Amino acid sequence: MSIVGHYNYWIVAVLMMTGFYIVIASNNLIKRLVGLSVFQTSVFLLYISMGKIGGGTAPIVAAGVKHYSNPLPHVLILTAIVVGIATLALGLALVVRIHETYGTIEEDEIHAQDEEEAL
């Protein structure tokens, strides 16, 4: 199979690097959470892509079927999606509390306020 045939892995790589760049380059806490979500989505796609077998069918015993796809990665990803949404909700709740306390969600401004209070 050619490199173009593995397009889903190219999409995973682009999403992963995009999410990583957003996390590293941004000082805004909400943008960082969005970057983490994009990165997490790329990992989900990677596991789902690896769990699919070409020519495989659902794991139901039938005559003439030689290759079965394992449903376990898909089930684990469903669980990971639920955990990811809960983690994102917790992160957003923390950002709301940080905004109430500091009046900003920019990391540099939060550090500057902390340093002023320490003096």
PDB file of N, CA and C in Angstrom:
ATOM      1  N   MET A   1       0.849  -1.176   0.000  1.00  0.00           N
ATOM      2  CA  MET A   1       0.000   0.000   0.000  1.00  0.00           C
ATOM      3  C   MET A   1       0.892   1.237   0.000  1.00  0.00           C
ATOM      4  N   SER A   2       0.504   2.232  -0.724  1.00  0.00           N
ATOM      5  CA  SER A   2       1.309   3.443  -0.865  1.00  0.00           C
ATOM      6  C   SER A   2       1.138   4.364   0.349  1.00  0.00           C
ATOM      7  N   ILE A   3       1.926   5.409   0.367  1.00  0.00           N
ATOM      8  CA  ILE A   3       1.860   6.378   1.452  1.00  0.00           C
ATOM      9  C   ILE A   3       0.503   7.078   1.449  1.00  0.00           C
ATOM     10  N   VAL A   4      -0.033   7.329   0.273  1.00  0.00           N
ATOM     11  CA  VAL A   4      -1.328   7.996   0.179  1.00  0.00           C
ATOM     12  C   VAL A   4      -2.435   7.105   0.735  1.00  0.00           C
ATOM     13  N   GLY A   5      -2.246   5.791   0.679  1.00  0.00           N
ATOM     14  CA  GLY A   5      -3.238   4.857   1.186  1.00  0.00           C
ATOM     15  C   GLY A   5      -3.406   4.923   2.694  1.00  0.00           C
ATOM     16  N   HIS A   6      -2.437   5.477   3.379  1.00  0.00           N
ATOM     17  CA  HIS A   6      -2.507   5.617   4.835  1.00  0.00           C
ATOM     18  C   HIS A   6      -2.861   7.049   5.212  1.00  0.00           C
ATOM     19  N   TYR A   7      -3.834   7.618   4.545  1.00  0.00           N
ATOM     20  CA  TYR A   7      -4.181   9.021   4.764  1.00  0.00           C
ATOM     21  C   TYR A   7      -4.632   9.288   6.194  1.00  0.00           C
ATOM     22  N   ASN A   8      -5.252   8.294   6.845  1.00  0.00           N
ATOM     23  CA  ASN A   8      -5.720   8.526   8.205  1.00  0.00           C
ATOM     24  C   ASN A   8      -4.559   8.775   9.162  1.00  0.00           C
ATOM     25  N   TYR A   9      -3.413   8.156   8.916  1.00  0.00           N
ATOM     26  CA  TYR A   9      -2.250   8.405   9.768  1.00  0.00           C
ATOM     27  C   TYR A   9      -1.671   9.793   9.508  1.00  0.00           C
ATOM     28  N   TRP A  10      -1.784  10.282   8.281  1.00  0.00           N
ATOM     29  CA  TRP A  10      -1.357  11.653   7.981  1.00  0.00           C
ATOM     30  C   TRP A  10      -2.261  12.656   8.700  1.00  0.00           C
ATOM     31  N   ILE A  11      -3.539  12.373   8.726  1.00  0.00           N
ATOM     32  CA  ILE A  11      -4.484  13.241   9.430  1.00  0.00           C
ATOM     33  C   ILE A  11      -4.171  13.242  10.923  1.00  0.00           C
ATOM     34  N   VAL A  12      -3.869  12.068  11.473  1.00  0.00           N
ATOM     35  CA  VAL A  12      -3.497  11.967  12.891  1.00  0.00           C
ATOM     36  C   VAL A  12      -2.263  12.813  13.170  1.00  0.00           C
ATOM     37  N   ALA A  13      -1.256  12.722  12.318  1.00  0.00           N
ATOM     38  CA  ALA A  13      -0.022  13.482  12.533  1.00  0.00           C
ATOM     39  C   ALA A  13      -0.277  14.984  12.474  1.00  0.00           C
ATOM     40  N   VAL A  14      -1.084  15.426  11.520  1.00  0.00           N
ATOM     41  CA  VAL A  14      -1.383  16.860  11.401  1.00  0.00           C
ATOM     42  C   VAL A  14      -2.168  17.343  12.616  1.00  0.00           C
ATOM     43  N   LEU A  15      -3.181  16.594  13.034  1.00  0.00           N
ATOM     44  CA  LEU A  15      -3.955  16.990  14.210  1.00  0.00           C
ATOM     45  C   LEU A  15      -3.098  16.998  15.471  1.00  0.00           C
ATOM     46  N   MET A  16      -2.219  16.005  15.593  1.00  0.00           N
ATOM     47  CA  MET A  16      -1.376  15.920  16.781  1.00  0.00           C
ATOM     48  C   MET A  16      -0.419  17.113  16.865  1.00  0.00           C
ATOM     49  N   MET A  17       0.205  17.449  15.754  1.00  0.00           N
ATOM     50  CA  MET A  17       1.138  18.570  15.755  1.00  0.00           C
ATOM     51  C   MET A  17       0.402  19.907  15.917  1.00  0.00           C
ATOM     52  N   THR A  18      -0.806  20.006  15.364  1.00  0.00           N
ATOM     53  CA  THR A  18      -1.596  21.220  15.533  1.00  0.00           C
ATOM     54  C   THR A  18      -1.975  21.422  16.997  1.00  0.00           C
ATOM     55  N   GLY A  19      -2.470  20.374  17.631  1.00  0.00           N
ATOM     56  CA  GLY A  19      -2.824  20.463  19.041  1.00  0.00           C
ATOM     57  C   GLY A  19      -1.628  20.764  19.913  1.00  0.00           C
ATOM     58  N   PHE A  20      -0.490  20.132  19.617  1.00  0.00           N
ATOM     59  CA  PHE A  20       0.725  20.370  20.382  1.00  0.00           C
ATOM     60  C   PHE A  20       1.191  21.815  20.219  1.00  0.00           C
ATOM     61  N   TYR A  21       1.121  22.338  19.007  1.00  0.00           N
ATOM     62  CA  TYR A  21       1.522  23.724  18.757  1.00  0.00           C
ATOM     63  C   TYR A  21       0.619  24.699  19.515  1.00  0.00           C
ATOM     64  N   ILE A  22      -0.676  24.435  19.525  1.00  0.00           N
ATOM     65  CA  ILE A  22      -1.602  25.314  20.243  1.00  0.00           C
ATOM     66  C   ILE A  22      -1.271  25.333  21.730  1.00  0.00           C
ATOM     67  N   VAL A  23      -0.973  24.182  22.290  1.00  0.00           N
ATOM     68  CA  VAL A  23      -0.651  24.106  23.714  1.00  0.00           C
ATOM     69  C   VAL A  23       0.644  24.858  24.024  1.00  0.00           C
ATOM     70  N   ILE A  24       1.647  24.705  23.186  1.00  0.00           N
ATOM     71  CA  ILE A  24       2.946  25.323  23.434  1.00  0.00           C
ATOM     72  C   ILE A  24       2.927  26.827  23.159  1.00  0.00           C
ATOM     73  N   ALA A  25       2.280  27.257  22.096  1.00  0.00           N
ATOM     74  CA  ALA A  25       2.391  28.640  21.632  1.00  0.00           C
ATOM     75  C   ALA A  25       1.430  29.606  22.320  1.00  0.00           C
ATOM     76  N   SER A  26       0.373  29.114  22.930  1.00  0.00           N
ATOM     77  CA  SER A  26      -0.648  30.011  23.458  1.00  0.00           C
ATOM     78  C   SER A  26      -0.479  30.226  24.951  1.00  0.00           C
ATOM     79  N   ASN A  27      -0.759  31.445  25.401  1.00  0.00           N
ATOM     80  CA  ASN A  27      -0.783  31.750  26.829  1.00  0.00           C
ATOM     81  C   ASN A  27      -2.203  31.791  27.372  1.00  0.00           C
ATOM     82  N   ASN A  28      -3.186  31.739  26.494  1.00  0.00           N
ATOM     83  CA  ASN A  28      -4.586  31.754  26.878  1.00  0.00           C
ATOM     84  C   ASN A  28      -4.969  30.357  27.362  1.00  0.00           C
ATOM     85  N   LEU A  29      -5.556  30.270  28.550  1.00  0.00           N
ATOM     86  CA  LEU A  29      -5.857  28.966  29.140  1.00  0.00           C
ATOM     87  C   LEU A  29      -6.933  28.209  28.364  1.00  0.00           C
ATOM     88  N   ILE A  30      -7.906  28.910  27.814  1.00  0.00           N
ATOM     89  CA  ILE A  30      -8.954  28.235  27.039  1.00  0.00           C
ATOM     90  C   ILE A  30      -8.379  27.693  25.737  1.00  0.00           C
ATOM     91  N   LYS A  31      -7.508  28.467  25.090  1.00  0.00           N
ATOM     92  CA  LYS A  31      -6.871  27.968  23.869  1.00  0.00           C
ATOM     93  C   LYS A  31      -6.029  26.737  24.161  1.00  0.00           C
ATOM     94  N   ARG A  32      -5.389  26.704  25.308  1.00  0.00           N
ATOM     95  CA  ARG A  32      -4.614  25.511  25.679  1.00  0.00           C
ATOM     96  C   ARG A  32      -5.518  24.298  25.867  1.00  0.00           C
ATOM     97  N   LEU A  33      -6.669  24.506  26.484  1.00  0.00           N
ATOM     98  CA  LEU A  33      -7.603  23.395  26.633  1.00  0.00           C
ATOM     99  C   LEU A  33      -8.110  22.897  25.285  1.00  0.00           C
ATOM    100  N   VAL A  34      -8.355  23.818  24.364  1.00  0.00           N
ATOM    101  CA  VAL A  34      -8.773  23.421  23.010  1.00  0.00           C
ATOM    102  C   VAL A  34      -7.641  22.646  22.332  1.00  0.00           C
ATOM    103  N   GLY A  35      -6.400  23.087  22.491  1.00  0.00           N
ATOM    104  CA  GLY A  35      -5.257  22.378  21.927  1.00  0.00           C
ATOM    105  C   GLY A  35      -5.127  20.969  22.490  1.00  0.00           C
ATOM    106  N   LEU A  36      -5.356  20.828  23.791  1.00  0.00           N
ATOM    107  CA  LEU A  36      -5.322  19.493  24.395  1.00  0.00           C
ATOM    108  C   LEU A  36      -6.433  18.608  23.843  1.00  0.00           C
ATOM    109  N   SER A  37      -7.589  19.189  23.588  1.00  0.00           N
ATOM    110  CA  SER A  37      -8.699  18.418  23.013  1.00  0.00           C
ATOM    111  C   SER A  37      -8.387  17.972  21.588  1.00  0.00           C
ATOM    112  N   VAL A  38      -7.759  18.845  20.801  1.00  0.00           N
ATOM    113  CA  VAL A  38      -7.372  18.468  19.436  1.00  0.00           C
ATOM    114  C   VAL A  38      -6.333  17.351  19.484  1.00  0.00           C
ATOM    115  N   PHE A  39      -5.366  17.479  20.372  1.00  0.00           N
ATOM    116  CA  PHE A  39      -4.346  16.446  20.524  1.00  0.00           C
ATOM    117  C   PHE A  39      -4.984  15.119  20.941  1.00  0.00           C
ATOM    118  N   GLN A  40      -5.905  15.193  21.879  1.00  0.00           N
ATOM    119  CA  GLN A  40      -6.585  13.992  22.357  1.00  0.00           C
ATOM    120  C   GLN A  40      -7.393  13.338  21.235  1.00  0.00           C
ATOM    121  N   THR A  41      -8.035  14.134  20.410  1.00  0.00           N
ATOM    122  CA  THR A  41      -8.787  13.600  19.281  1.00  0.00           C
ATOM    123  C   THR A  41      -7.875  12.870  18.310  1.00  0.00           C
ATOM    124  N   SER A  42      -6.677  13.387  18.100  1.00  0.00           N
ATOM    125  CA  SER A  42      -5.739  12.705  17.205  1.00  0.00           C
ATOM    126  C   SER A  42      -5.341  11.340  17.768  1.00  0.00           C
ATOM    127  N   VAL A  43      -5.201  11.253  19.065  1.00  0.00           N
ATOM    128  CA  VAL A  43      -4.876   9.952  19.674  1.00  0.00           C
ATOM    129  C   VAL A  43      -6.043   8.988  19.509  1.00  0.00           C
ATOM    130  N   PHE A  44      -7.262   9.479  19.665  1.00  0.00           N
ATOM    131  CA  PHE A  44      -8.436   8.627  19.435  1.00  0.00           C
ATOM    132  C   PHE A  44      -8.439   8.077  18.016  1.00  0.00           C
ATOM    133  N   LEU A  45      -8.209   8.946  17.054  1.00  0.00           N
ATOM    134  CA  LEU A  45      -8.181   8.503  15.653  1.00  0.00           C
ATOM    135  C   LEU A  45      -7.064   7.507  15.397  1.00  0.00           C
ATOM    136  N   LEU A  46      -5.932   7.699  16.048  1.00  0.00           N
ATOM    137  CA  LEU A  46      -4.819   6.765  15.881  1.00  0.00           C
ATOM    138  C   LEU A  46      -5.197   5.371  16.369  1.00  0.00           C
ATOM    139  N   TYR A  47      -5.777   5.282  17.553  1.00  0.00           N
ATOM    140  CA  TYR A  47      -6.157   3.971  18.083  1.00  0.00           C
ATOM    141  C   TYR A  47      -7.258   3.315  17.259  1.00  0.00           C
ATOM    142  N   ILE A  48      -8.214   4.110  16.807  1.00  0.00           N
ATOM    143  CA  ILE A  48      -9.281   3.539  15.977  1.00  0.00           C
ATOM    144  C   ILE A  48      -8.708   3.043  14.654  1.00  0.00           C
ATOM    145  N   SER A  49      -7.762   3.786  14.073  1.00  0.00           N
ATOM    146  CA  SER A  49      -7.144   3.370  12.812  1.00  0.00           C
ATOM    147  C   SER A  49      -6.358   2.078  12.981  1.00  0.00           C
ATOM    148  N   MET A  50      -5.675   1.947  14.102  1.00  0.00           N
ATOM    149  CA  MET A  50      -4.894   0.729  14.323  1.00  0.00           C
ATOM    150  C   MET A  50      -5.786  -0.467  14.624  1.00  0.00           C
ATOM    151  N   GLY A  51      -6.996  -0.221  15.135  1.00  0.00           N
ATOM    152  CA  GLY A  51      -7.886  -1.317  15.490  1.00  0.00           C
ATOM    153  C   GLY A  51      -8.618  -1.933  14.311  1.00  0.00           C
ATOM    154  N   LYS A  52      -8.579  -1.290  13.158  1.00  0.00           N
ATOM    155  CA  LYS A  52      -9.280  -1.796  11.981  1.00  0.00           C
ATOM    156  C   LYS A  52      -8.361  -2.690  11.159  1.00  0.00           C
ATOM    157  N   ILE A  53      -8.864  -3.848  10.798  1.00  0.00           N
ATOM    158  CA  ILE A  53      -8.126  -4.797   9.966  1.00  0.00           C
ATOM    159  C   ILE A  53      -8.767  -4.806   8.586  1.00  0.00           C
ATOM    160  N   GLY A  54      -7.956  -4.652   7.545  1.00  0.00           N
ATOM    161  CA  GLY A  54      -8.473  -4.677   6.181  1.00  0.00           C
ATOM    162  C   GLY A  54      -9.097  -6.022   5.861  1.00  0.00           C
ATOM    163  N   GLY A  55     -10.327  -6.010   5.433  1.00  0.00           N
ATOM    164  CA  GLY A  55     -11.027  -7.248   5.100  1.00  0.00           C
ATOM    165  C   GLY A  55     -11.628  -7.944   6.306  1.00  0.00           C
ATOM    166  N   GLY A  56     -11.466  -7.374   7.498  1.00  0.00           N
ATOM    167  CA  GLY A  56     -12.010  -7.980   8.702  1.00  0.00           C
ATOM    168  C   GLY A  56     -13.481  -7.650   8.877  1.00  0.00           C
ATOM    169  N   THR A  57     -14.176  -8.524   9.563  1.00  0.00           N
ATOM    170  CA  THR A  57     -15.596  -8.312   9.823  1.00  0.00           C
ATOM    171  C   THR A  57     -15.813  -8.239  11.325  1.00  0.00           C
ATOM    172  N   ALA A  58     -17.060  -8.026  11.709  1.00  0.00           N
ATOM    173  CA  ALA A  58     -17.415  -8.008  13.124  1.00  0.00           C
ATOM    174  C   ALA A  58     -17.122  -9.381  13.724  1.00  0.00           C
ATOM    175  N   PRO A  59     -16.752  -9.433  14.995  1.00  0.00           N
ATOM    176  CA  PRO A  59     -16.377 -10.715  15.602  1.00  0.00           C
ATOM    177  C   PRO A  59     -17.577 -11.608  15.899  1.00  0.00           C
ATOM    178  N   ILE A  60     -18.243 -12.002  14.841  1.00  0.00           N
ATOM    179  CA  ILE A  60     -19.358 -12.936  14.928  1.00  0.00           C
ATOM    180  C   ILE A  60     -18.956 -14.163  14.126  1.00  0.00           C
ATOM    181  N   VAL A  61     -18.997 -15.304  14.762  1.00  0.00           N
ATOM    182  CA  VAL A  61     -18.562 -16.533  14.105  1.00  0.00           C
ATOM    183  C   VAL A  61     -19.509 -16.855  12.958  1.00  0.00           C
ATOM    184  N   ALA A  62     -18.941 -16.973  11.768  1.00  0.00           N
ATOM    185  CA  ALA A  62     -19.724 -17.301  10.578  1.00  0.00           C
ATOM    186  C   ALA A  62     -18.864 -18.160   9.664  1.00  0.00           C
ATOM    187  N   ALA A  63     -19.503 -18.931   8.842  1.00  0.00           N
ATOM    188  CA  ALA A  63     -18.777 -19.809   7.932  1.00  0.00           C
ATOM    189  C   ALA A  63     -18.053 -18.981   6.871  1.00  0.00           C
ATOM    190  N   GLY A  64     -16.799 -19.328   6.597  1.00  0.00           N
ATOM    191  CA  GLY A  64     -16.032 -18.688   5.551  1.00  0.00           C
ATOM    192  C   GLY A  64     -15.328 -17.397   5.961  1.00  0.00           C
ATOM    193  N   VAL A  65     -15.512 -16.952   7.178  1.00  0.00           N
ATOM    194  CA  VAL A  65     -14.857 -15.716   7.627  1.00  0.00           C
ATOM    195  C   VAL A  65     -13.539 -16.080   8.299  1.00  0.00           C
ATOM    196  N   LYS A  66     -12.458 -15.458   7.819  1.00  0.00           N
ATOM    197  CA  LYS A  66     -11.132 -15.778   8.359  1.00  0.00           C
ATOM    198  C   LYS A  66     -10.560 -14.643   9.200  1.00  0.00           C
ATOM    199  N   HIS A  67     -10.937 -13.416   8.910  1.00  0.00           N
ATOM    200  CA  HIS A  67     -10.360 -12.268   9.608  1.00  0.00           C
ATOM    201  C   HIS A  67     -11.446 -11.510  10.359  1.00  0.00           C
ATOM    202  N   TYR A  68     -11.166 -11.260  11.620  1.00  0.00           N
ATOM    203  CA  TYR A  68     -12.092 -10.511  12.452  1.00  0.00           C
ATOM    204  C   TYR A  68     -11.403  -9.245  12.952  1.00  0.00           C
ATOM    205  N   SER A  69     -12.179  -8.170  13.072  1.00  0.00           N
ATOM    206  CA  SER A  69     -11.676  -6.942  13.671  1.00  0.00           C
ATOM    207  C   SER A  69     -11.914  -7.003  15.175  1.00  0.00           C
ATOM    208  N   ASN A  70     -10.935  -6.549  15.928  1.00  0.00           N
ATOM    209  CA  ASN A  70     -11.043  -6.547  17.376  1.00  0.00           C
ATOM    210  C   ASN A  70     -11.849  -5.321  17.817  1.00  0.00           C
ATOM    211  N   PRO A  71     -12.960  -5.508  18.537  1.00  0.00           N
ATOM    212  CA  PRO A  71     -13.762  -4.356  18.956  1.00  0.00           C
ATOM    213  C   PRO A  71     -13.214  -3.656  20.193  1.00  0.00           C
ATOM    214  N   LEU A  72     -12.227  -4.227  20.856  1.00  0.00           N
ATOM    215  CA  LEU A  72     -11.722  -3.658  22.098  1.00  0.00           C
ATOM    216  C   LEU A  72     -11.177  -2.235  21.952  1.00  0.00           C
ATOM    217  N   PRO A  73     -10.371  -1.911  20.912  1.00  0.00           N
ATOM    218  CA  PRO A  73      -9.912  -0.514  20.800  1.00  0.00           C
ATOM    219  C   PRO A  73     -11.057   0.489  20.663  1.00  0.00           C
ATOM    220  N   HIS A  74     -12.106   0.112  19.961  1.00  0.00           N
ATOM    221  CA  HIS A  74     -13.230   1.025  19.777  1.00  0.00           C
ATOM    222  C   HIS A  74     -13.972   1.244  21.100  1.00  0.00           C
ATOM    223  N   VAL A  75     -14.113   0.192  21.879  1.00  0.00           N
ATOM    224  CA  VAL A  75     -14.775   0.308  23.184  1.00  0.00           C
ATOM    225  C   VAL A  75     -13.936   1.167  24.123  1.00  0.00           C
ATOM    226  N   LEU A  76     -12.633   0.962  24.117  1.00  0.00           N
ATOM    227  CA  LEU A  76     -11.761   1.760  24.970  1.00  0.00           C
ATOM    228  C   LEU A  76     -11.777   3.232  24.579  1.00  0.00           C
ATOM    229  N   ILE A  77     -11.881   3.502  23.302  1.00  0.00           N
ATOM    230  CA  ILE A  77     -11.936   4.891  22.846  1.00  0.00           C
ATOM    231  C   ILE A  77     -13.241   5.546  23.277  1.00  0.00           C
ATOM    232  N   LEU A  78     -14.340   4.809  23.265  1.00  0.00           N
ATOM    233  CA  LEU A  78     -15.592   5.371  23.767  1.00  0.00           C
ATOM    234  C   LEU A  78     -15.451   5.789  25.226  1.00  0.00           C
ATOM    235  N   THR A  79     -14.801   4.952  26.016  1.00  0.00           N
ATOM    236  CA  THR A  79     -14.546   5.295  27.416  1.00  0.00           C
ATOM    237  C   THR A  79     -13.633   6.508  27.514  1.00  0.00           C
ATOM    238  N   ALA A  80     -12.604   6.559  26.680  1.00  0.00           N
ATOM    239  CA  ALA A  80     -11.661   7.677  26.704  1.00  0.00           C
ATOM    240  C   ALA A  80     -12.343   8.983  26.291  1.00  0.00           C
ATOM    241  N   ILE A  81     -13.292   8.919  25.385  1.00  0.00           N
ATOM    242  CA  ILE A  81     -14.020  10.123  24.979  1.00  0.00           C
ATOM    243  C   ILE A  81     -14.811  10.684  26.156  1.00  0.00           C
ATOM    244  N   VAL A  82     -15.468   9.808  26.890  1.00  0.00           N
ATOM    245  CA  VAL A  82     -16.244  10.251  28.051  1.00  0.00           C
ATOM    246  C   VAL A  82     -15.320  10.867  29.103  1.00  0.00           C
ATOM    247  N   VAL A  83     -14.195  10.230  29.369  1.00  0.00           N
ATOM    248  CA  VAL A  83     -13.236  10.768  30.335  1.00  0.00           C
ATOM    249  C   VAL A  83     -12.671  12.095  29.842  1.00  0.00           C
ATOM    250  N   GLY A  84     -12.401  12.198  28.542  1.00  0.00           N
ATOM    251  CA  GLY A  84     -11.875  13.437  27.975  1.00  0.00           C
ATOM    252  C   GLY A  84     -12.851  14.588  28.102  1.00  0.00           C
ATOM    253  N   ILE A  85     -14.130  14.321  27.895  1.00  0.00           N
ATOM    254  CA  ILE A  85     -15.143  15.370  28.028  1.00  0.00           C
ATOM    255  C   ILE A  85     -15.250  15.814  29.483  1.00  0.00           C
ATOM    256  N   ALA A  86     -15.208  14.864  30.399  1.00  0.00           N
ATOM    257  CA  ALA A  86     -15.265  15.222  31.820  1.00  0.00           C
ATOM    258  C   ALA A  86     -14.039  16.027  32.234  1.00  0.00           C
ATOM    259  N   THR A  87     -12.877  15.663  31.733  1.00  0.00           N
ATOM    260  CA  THR A  87     -11.657  16.392  32.047  1.00  0.00           C
ATOM    261  C   THR A  87     -11.701  17.800  31.459  1.00  0.00           C
ATOM    262  N   LEU A  88     -12.197  17.934  30.245  1.00  0.00           N
ATOM    263  CA  LEU A  88     -12.332  19.257  29.632  1.00  0.00           C
ATOM    264  C   LEU A  88     -13.313  20.117  30.425  1.00  0.00           C
ATOM    265  N   ALA A  89     -14.410  19.540  30.885  1.00  0.00           N
ATOM    266  CA  ALA A  89     -15.372  20.293  31.691  1.00  0.00           C
ATOM    267  C   ALA A  89     -14.741  20.755  32.997  1.00  0.00           C
ATOM    268  N   LEU A  90     -13.948  19.904  33.630  1.00  0.00           N
ATOM    269  CA  LEU A  90     -13.254  20.292  34.852  1.00  0.00           C
ATOM    270  C   LEU A  90     -12.249  21.405  34.573  1.00  0.00           C
ATOM    271  N   GLY A  91     -11.511  21.292  33.475  1.00  0.00           N
ATOM    272  CA  GLY A  91     -10.554  22.328  33.104  1.00  0.00           C
ATOM    273  C   GLY A  91     -11.233  23.665  32.855  1.00  0.00           C
ATOM    274  N   LEU A  92     -12.368  23.640  32.172  1.00  0.00           N
ATOM    275  CA  LEU A  92     -13.105  24.880  31.929  1.00  0.00           C
ATOM    276  C   LEU A  92     -13.645  25.473  33.223  1.00  0.00           C
ATOM    277  N   ALA A  93     -14.081  24.627  34.150  1.00  0.00           N
ATOM    278  CA  ALA A  93     -14.539  25.120  35.447  1.00  0.00           C
ATOM    279  C   ALA A  93     -13.383  25.774  36.209  1.00  0.00           C
ATOM    280  N   LEU A  94     -12.205  25.196  36.127  1.00  0.00           N
ATOM    281  CA  LEU A  94     -11.032  25.802  36.773  1.00  0.00           C
ATOM    282  C   LEU A  94     -10.666  27.129  36.133  1.00  0.00           C
ATOM    283  N   VAL A  95     -10.798  27.223  34.810  1.00  0.00           N
ATOM    284  CA  VAL A  95     -10.511  28.490  34.129  1.00  0.00           C
ATOM    285  C   VAL A  95     -11.504  29.562  34.577  1.00  0.00           C
ATOM    286  N   VAL A  96     -12.760  29.195  34.774  1.00  0.00           N
ATOM    287  CA  VAL A  96     -13.751  30.158  35.262  1.00  0.00           C
ATOM    288  C   VAL A  96     -13.350  30.656  36.650  1.00  0.00           C
ATOM    289  N   ARG A  97     -12.929  29.748  37.519  1.00  0.00           N
ATOM    290  CA  ARG A  97     -12.503  30.152  38.871  1.00  0.00           C
ATOM    291  C   ARG A  97     -11.249  31.018  38.816  1.00  0.00           C
ATOM    292  N   ILE A  98     -10.316  30.691  37.942  1.00  0.00           N
ATOM    293  CA  ILE A  98      -9.111  31.507  37.780  1.00  0.00           C
ATOM    294  C   ILE A  98      -9.488  32.895  37.292  1.00  0.00           C
ATOM    295  N   HIS A  99     -10.425  32.981  36.356  1.00  0.00           N
ATOM    296  CA  HIS A  99     -10.868  34.284  35.848  1.00  0.00           C
ATOM    297  C   HIS A  99     -11.544  35.100  36.947  1.00  0.00           C
ATOM    298  N   GLU A 100     -12.320  34.448  37.794  1.00  0.00           N
ATOM    299  CA  GLU A 100     -12.954  35.156  38.911  1.00  0.00           C
ATOM    300  C   GLU A 100     -11.916  35.679  39.896  1.00  0.00           C
ATOM    301  N   THR A 101     -10.855  34.924  40.114  1.00  0.00           N
ATOM    302  CA  THR A 101      -9.830  35.312  41.086  1.00  0.00           C
ATOM    303  C   THR A 101      -8.890  36.374  40.534  1.00  0.00           C
ATOM    304  N   TYR A 102      -8.397  36.171  39.313  1.00  0.00           N
ATOM    305  CA  TYR A 102      -7.371  37.045  38.756  1.00  0.00           C
ATOM    306  C   TYR A 102      -7.904  38.086  37.776  1.00  0.00           C
ATOM    307  N   GLY A 103      -9.088  37.887  37.248  1.00  0.00           N
ATOM    308  CA  GLY A 103      -9.639  38.817  36.276  1.00  0.00           C
ATOM    309  C   GLY A 103      -9.095  38.631  34.872  1.00  0.00           C
ATOM    310  N   THR A 104      -8.360  37.565  34.626  1.00  0.00           N
ATOM    311  CA  THR A 104      -7.783  37.282  33.311  1.00  0.00           C
ATOM    312  C   THR A 104      -7.579  35.789  33.154  1.00  0.00           C
ATOM    313  N   ILE A 105      -7.420  35.360  31.910  1.00  0.00           N
ATOM    314  CA  ILE A 105      -7.094  33.952  31.654  1.00  0.00           C
ATOM    315  C   ILE A 105      -5.784  33.832  30.874  1.00  0.00           C
ATOM    316  N   GLU A 106      -5.031  34.919  30.820  1.00  0.00           N
ATOM    317  CA  GLU A 106      -3.715  34.905  30.179  1.00  0.00           C
ATOM    318  C   GLU A 106      -2.665  34.517  31.221  1.00  0.00           C
ATOM    319  N   GLU A 107      -1.862  33.521  30.896  1.00  0.00           N
ATOM    320  CA  GLU A 107      -0.918  32.978  31.861  1.00  0.00           C
ATOM    321  C   GLU A 107       0.126  34.009  32.310  1.00  0.00           C
ATOM    322  N   ASP A 108       0.609  34.832  31.391  1.00  0.00           N
ATOM    323  CA  ASP A 108       1.616  35.839  31.738  1.00  0.00           C
ATOM    324  C   ASP A 108       1.074  36.841  32.757  1.00  0.00           C
ATOM    325  N   GLU A 109      -0.155  37.276  32.557  1.00  0.00           N
ATOM    326  CA  GLU A 109      -0.760  38.229  33.484  1.00  0.00           C
ATOM    327  C   GLU A 109      -0.999  37.610  34.855  1.00  0.00           C
ATOM    328  N   ILE A 110      -1.347  36.335  34.888  1.00  0.00           N
ATOM    329  CA  ILE A 110      -1.554  35.640  36.165  1.00  0.00           C
ATOM    330  C   ILE A 110      -0.231  35.548  36.919  1.00  0.00           C
ATOM    331  N   HIS A 111       0.853  35.187  36.216  1.00  0.00           N
ATOM    332  CA  HIS A 111       2.166  35.114  36.861  1.00  0.00           C
ATOM    333  C   HIS A 111       2.615  36.488  37.361  1.00  0.00           C
ATOM    334  N   ALA A 112       2.334  37.534  36.591  1.00  0.00           N
ATOM    335  CA  ALA A 112       2.718  38.896  37.002  1.00  0.00           C
ATOM    336  C   ALA A 112       1.965  39.292  38.278  1.00  0.00           C
ATOM    337  N   GLN A 113       0.687  38.969  38.353  1.00  0.00           N
ATOM    338  CA  GLN A 113      -0.074  39.281  39.563  1.00  0.00           C
ATOM    339  C   GLN A 113       0.445  38.508  40.759  1.00  0.00           C
ATOM    340  N   ASP A 114       0.805  37.247  40.572  1.00  0.00           N
ATOM    341  CA  ASP A 114       1.354  36.446  41.658  1.00  0.00           C
ATOM    342  C   ASP A 114       2.684  37.009  42.153  1.00  0.00           C
ATOM    343  N   GLU A 115       3.518  37.476  41.235  1.00  0.00           N
ATOM    344  CA  GLU A 115       4.806  38.047  41.628  1.00  0.00           C
ATOM    345  C   GLU A 115       4.621  39.360  42.373  1.00  0.00           C
ATOM    346  N   GLU A 116       3.636  40.181  41.979  1.00  0.00           N
ATOM    347  CA  GLU A 116       3.353  41.428  42.670  1.00  0.00           C
ATOM    348  C   GLU A 116       2.896  41.165  44.091  1.00  0.00           C
ATOM    349  N   GLU A 117       2.054  40.131  44.267  1.00  0.00           N
ATOM    350  CA  GLU A 117       1.573  39.784  45.602  1.00  0.00           C
ATOM    351  C   GLU A 117       2.686  39.220  46.479  1.00  0.00           C
ATOM    352  N   ALA A 118       3.663  38.544  45.868  1.00  0.00           N
ATOM    353  CA  ALA A 118       4.757  37.957  46.635  1.00  0.00           C
ATOM    354  C   ALA A 118       5.700  39.021  47.174  1.00  0.00           C
ATOM    355  N   LEU A 119       5.777  40.158  46.504  1.00  0.00           N
ATOM    356  CA  LEU A 119       6.660  41.243  46.959  1.00  0.00           C
ATOM    357  C   LEU A 119       6.000  41.987  48.051  1.00  0.00           C
TER     358      LEU A 119
END
